[in-house]
Amino acid sequence: MGRLGNFKYREIVKRLKLFGFEFDRQAAGSHEIWHNPAARR
């Protein structure tokens, strides 16, 4: 399992939003693309 295996989806989303990330789009399968406009990442 990866480094985020112990986190629940909602916890990850909450932390991404805390750090300024915004949901960009749905990718293949259950993958999501998140973007941070301030950091251009």
PDB file of N, CA and C in Angstrom:
ATOM      1  N   MET A   1       0.832  -1.175   0.000  1.00  0.00           N
ATOM      2  CA  MET A   1       0.000   0.000   0.000  1.00  0.00           C
ATOM      3  C   MET A   1       0.883   1.247   0.000  1.00  0.00           C
ATOM      4  N   GLY A   2       0.379   2.335  -0.544  1.00  0.00           N
ATOM      5  CA  GLY A   2       1.144   3.564  -0.644  1.00  0.00           C
ATOM      6  C   GLY A   2       1.233   4.316   0.671  1.00  0.00           C
ATOM      7  N   ARG A   3       1.830   5.477   0.616  1.00  0.00           N
ATOM      8  CA  ARG A   3       2.039   6.284   1.817  1.00  0.00           C
ATOM      9  C   ARG A   3       0.737   6.844   2.376  1.00  0.00           C
ATOM     10  N   LEU A   4      -0.301   6.921   1.557  1.00  0.00           N
ATOM     11  CA  LEU A   4      -1.579   7.465   2.019  1.00  0.00           C
ATOM     12  C   LEU A   4      -2.581   6.367   2.353  1.00  0.00           C
ATOM     13  N   GLY A   5      -2.119   5.137   2.443  1.00  0.00           N
ATOM     14  CA  GLY A   5      -2.991   3.999   2.666  1.00  0.00           C
ATOM     15  C   GLY A   5      -3.752   4.033   3.980  1.00  0.00           C
ATOM     16  N   ASN A   6      -3.234   4.719   4.980  1.00  0.00           N
ATOM     17  CA  ASN A   6      -3.897   4.766   6.284  1.00  0.00           C
ATOM     18  C   ASN A   6      -4.942   5.865   6.380  1.00  0.00           C
ATOM     19  N   PHE A   7      -5.026   6.720   5.369  1.00  0.00           N
ATOM     20  CA  PHE A   7      -5.976   7.823   5.383  1.00  0.00           C
ATOM     21  C   PHE A   7      -7.257   7.438   4.660  1.00  0.00           C
ATOM     22  N   LYS A   8      -8.354   8.003   5.108  1.00  0.00           N
ATOM     23  CA  LYS A   8      -9.622   7.832   4.410  1.00  0.00           C
ATOM     24  C   LYS A   8      -9.718   8.924   3.348  1.00  0.00           C
ATOM     25  N   TYR A   9     -10.538   8.662   2.334  1.00  0.00           N
ATOM     26  CA  TYR A   9     -10.687   9.607   1.219  1.00  0.00           C
ATOM     27  C   TYR A   9     -11.046  11.009   1.719  1.00  0.00           C
ATOM     28  N   ARG A  10     -12.001  11.080   2.639  1.00  0.00           N
ATOM     29  CA  ARG A  10     -12.452  12.389   3.127  1.00  0.00           C
ATOM     30  C   ARG A  10     -11.345  13.154   3.837  1.00  0.00           C
ATOM     31  N   GLU A  11     -10.469  12.448   4.543  1.00  0.00           N
ATOM     32  CA  GLU A  11      -9.347  13.102   5.218  1.00  0.00           C
ATOM     33  C   GLU A  11      -8.368  13.688   4.199  1.00  0.00           C
ATOM     34  N   ILE A  12      -8.103  12.945   3.144  1.00  0.00           N
ATOM     35  CA  ILE A  12      -7.188  13.420   2.104  1.00  0.00           C
ATOM     36  C   ILE A  12      -7.757  14.652   1.416  1.00  0.00           C
ATOM     37  N   VAL A  13      -9.046  14.619   1.078  1.00  0.00           N
ATOM     38  CA  VAL A  13      -9.691  15.759   0.425  1.00  0.00           C
ATOM     39  C   VAL A  13      -9.648  16.979   1.333  1.00  0.00           C
ATOM     40  N   LYS A  14      -9.912  16.783   2.620  1.00  0.00           N
ATOM     41  CA  LYS A  14      -9.901  17.889   3.575  1.00  0.00           C
ATOM     42  C   LYS A  14      -8.520  18.540   3.629  1.00  0.00           C
ATOM     43  N   ARG A  15      -7.469  17.715   3.664  1.00  0.00           N
ATOM     44  CA  ARG A  15      -6.108  18.247   3.727  1.00  0.00           C
ATOM     45  C   ARG A  15      -5.693  18.924   2.423  1.00  0.00           C
ATOM     46  N   LEU A  16      -6.098  18.365   1.288  1.00  0.00           N
ATOM     47  CA  LEU A  16      -5.789  19.005   0.007  1.00  0.00           C
ATOM     48  C   LEU A  16      -6.392  20.402  -0.048  1.00  0.00           C
ATOM     49  N   LYS A  17      -7.653  20.529   0.378  1.00  0.00           N
ATOM     50  CA  LYS A  17      -8.315  21.831   0.372  1.00  0.00           C
ATOM     51  C   LYS A  17      -7.651  22.795   1.342  1.00  0.00           C
ATOM     52  N   LEU A  18      -7.183  22.280   2.485  1.00  0.00           N
ATOM     53  CA  LEU A  18      -6.473  23.115   3.455  1.00  0.00           C
ATOM     54  C   LEU A  18      -5.214  23.723   2.859  1.00  0.00           C
ATOM     55  N   PHE A  19      -4.534  22.968   2.007  1.00  0.00           N
ATOM     56  CA  PHE A  19      -3.300  23.436   1.383  1.00  0.00           C
ATOM     57  C   PHE A  19      -3.536  24.182   0.073  1.00  0.00           C
ATOM     58  N   GLY A  20      -4.796  24.499  -0.232  1.00  0.00           N
ATOM     59  CA  GLY A  20      -5.098  25.339  -1.382  1.00  0.00           C
ATOM     60  C   GLY A  20      -5.364  24.605  -2.683  1.00  0.00           C
ATOM     61  N   PHE A  21      -5.476  23.284  -2.635  1.00  0.00           N
ATOM     62  CA  PHE A  21      -5.746  22.523  -3.851  1.00  0.00           C
ATOM     63  C   PHE A  21      -7.228  22.573  -4.193  1.00  0.00           C
ATOM     64  N   GLU A  22      -7.527  22.528  -5.480  1.00  0.00           N
ATOM     65  CA  GLU A  22      -8.894  22.500  -5.980  1.00  0.00           C
ATOM     66  C   GLU A  22      -9.057  21.296  -6.892  1.00  0.00           C
ATOM     67  N   PHE A  23     -10.246  20.695  -6.836  1.00  0.00           N
ATOM     68  CA  PHE A  23     -10.520  19.571  -7.720  1.00  0.00           C
ATOM     69  C   PHE A  23     -10.537  20.075  -9.152  1.00  0.00           C
ATOM     70  N   ASP A  24      -9.759  19.454 -10.027  1.00  0.00           N
ATOM     71  CA  ASP A  24      -9.679  19.878 -11.421  1.00  0.00           C
ATOM     72  C   ASP A  24     -10.588  19.033 -12.301  1.00  0.00           C
ATOM     73  N   ARG A  25     -10.367  17.704 -12.291  1.00  0.00           N
ATOM     74  CA  ARG A  25     -11.204  16.853 -13.143  1.00  0.00           C
ATOM     75  C   ARG A  25     -11.059  15.394 -12.739  1.00  0.00           C
ATOM     76  N   GLN A  26     -11.997  14.598 -13.207  1.00  0.00           N
ATOM     77  CA  GLN A  26     -11.975  13.158 -12.995  1.00  0.00           C
ATOM     78  C   GLN A  26     -11.124  12.539 -14.091  1.00  0.00           C
ATOM     79  N   ALA A  27     -10.232  11.641 -13.726  1.00  0.00           N
ATOM     80  CA  ALA A  27      -9.388  10.943 -14.692  1.00  0.00           C
ATOM     81  C   ALA A  27      -9.909   9.513 -14.859  1.00  0.00           C
ATOM     82  N   ALA A  28      -9.140   8.682 -15.503  1.00  0.00           N
ATOM     83  CA  ALA A  28      -9.555   7.301 -15.769  1.00  0.00           C
ATOM     84  C   ALA A  28      -9.828   6.548 -14.468  1.00  0.00           C
ATOM     85  N   GLY A  29     -10.886   5.787 -14.454  1.00  0.00           N
ATOM     86  CA  GLY A  29     -11.234   4.996 -13.280  1.00  0.00           C
ATOM     87  C   GLY A  29     -11.609   5.874 -12.110  1.00  0.00           C
ATOM     88  N   SER A  30     -11.034   5.594 -10.952  1.00  0.00           N
ATOM     89  CA  SER A  30     -11.364   6.361  -9.747  1.00  0.00           C
ATOM     90  C   SER A  30     -10.317   7.438  -9.457  1.00  0.00           C
ATOM     91  N   HIS A  31      -9.432   7.718 -10.402  1.00  0.00           N
ATOM     92  CA  HIS A  31      -8.384   8.716 -10.195  1.00  0.00           C
ATOM     93  C   HIS A  31      -8.939  10.122 -10.366  1.00  0.00           C
ATOM     94  N   GLU A  32      -8.401  11.041  -9.589  1.00  0.00           N
ATOM     95  CA  GLU A  32      -8.803  12.444  -9.661  1.00  0.00           C
ATOM     96  C   GLU A  32      -7.569  13.309  -9.857  1.00  0.00           C
ATOM     97  N   ILE A  33      -7.762  14.445 -10.522  1.00  0.00           N
ATOM     98  CA  ILE A  33      -6.686  15.415 -10.738  1.00  0.00           C
ATOM     99  C   ILE A  33      -6.995  16.635  -9.877  1.00  0.00           C
ATOM    100  N   TRP A  34      -6.065  16.980  -8.995  1.00  0.00           N
ATOM    101  CA  TRP A  34      -6.195  18.155  -8.141  1.00  0.00           C
ATOM    102  C   TRP A  34      -5.124  19.156  -8.547  1.00  0.00           C
ATOM    103  N   HIS A  35      -5.430  20.443  -8.414  1.00  0.00           N
ATOM    104  CA  HIS A  35      -4.535  21.504  -8.857  1.00  0.00           C
ATOM    105  C   HIS A  35      -4.453  22.581  -7.799  1.00  0.00           C
ATOM    106  N   ASN A  36      -3.247  23.113  -7.579  1.00  0.00           N
ATOM    107  CA  ASN A  36      -3.058  24.235  -6.675  1.00  0.00           C
ATOM    108  C   ASN A  36      -2.668  25.453  -7.509  1.00  0.00           C
ATOM    109  N   PRO A  37      -3.616  26.379  -7.756  1.00  0.00           N
ATOM    110  CA  PRO A  37      -3.334  27.534  -8.607  1.00  0.00           C
ATOM    111  C   PRO A  37      -2.228  28.433  -8.068  1.00  0.00           C
ATOM    112  N   ALA A  38      -2.118  28.563  -6.756  1.00  0.00           N
ATOM    113  CA  ALA A  38      -1.108  29.448  -6.167  1.00  0.00           C
ATOM    114  C   ALA A  38       0.296  28.891  -6.419  1.00  0.00           C
ATOM    115  N   ALA A  39       0.455  27.587  -6.304  1.00  0.00           N
ATOM    116  CA  ALA A  39       1.767  26.962  -6.487  1.00  0.00           C
ATOM    117  C   ALA A  39       1.967  26.448  -7.913  1.00  0.00           C
ATOM    118  N   ARG A  40       0.931  26.532  -8.718  1.00  0.00           N
ATOM    119  CA  ARG A  40       0.957  26.038 -10.109  1.00  0.00           C
ATOM    120  C   ARG A  40       1.374  24.562 -10.159  1.00  0.00           C
ATOM    121  N   ARG A  41       0.788  23.769  -9.293  1.00  0.00           N
ATOM    122  CA  ARG A  41       1.072  22.332  -9.236  1.00  0.00           C
ATOM    123  C   ARG A  41      -0.204  21.562  -9.445  1.00  0.00           C
TER     124      ARG A  41
END
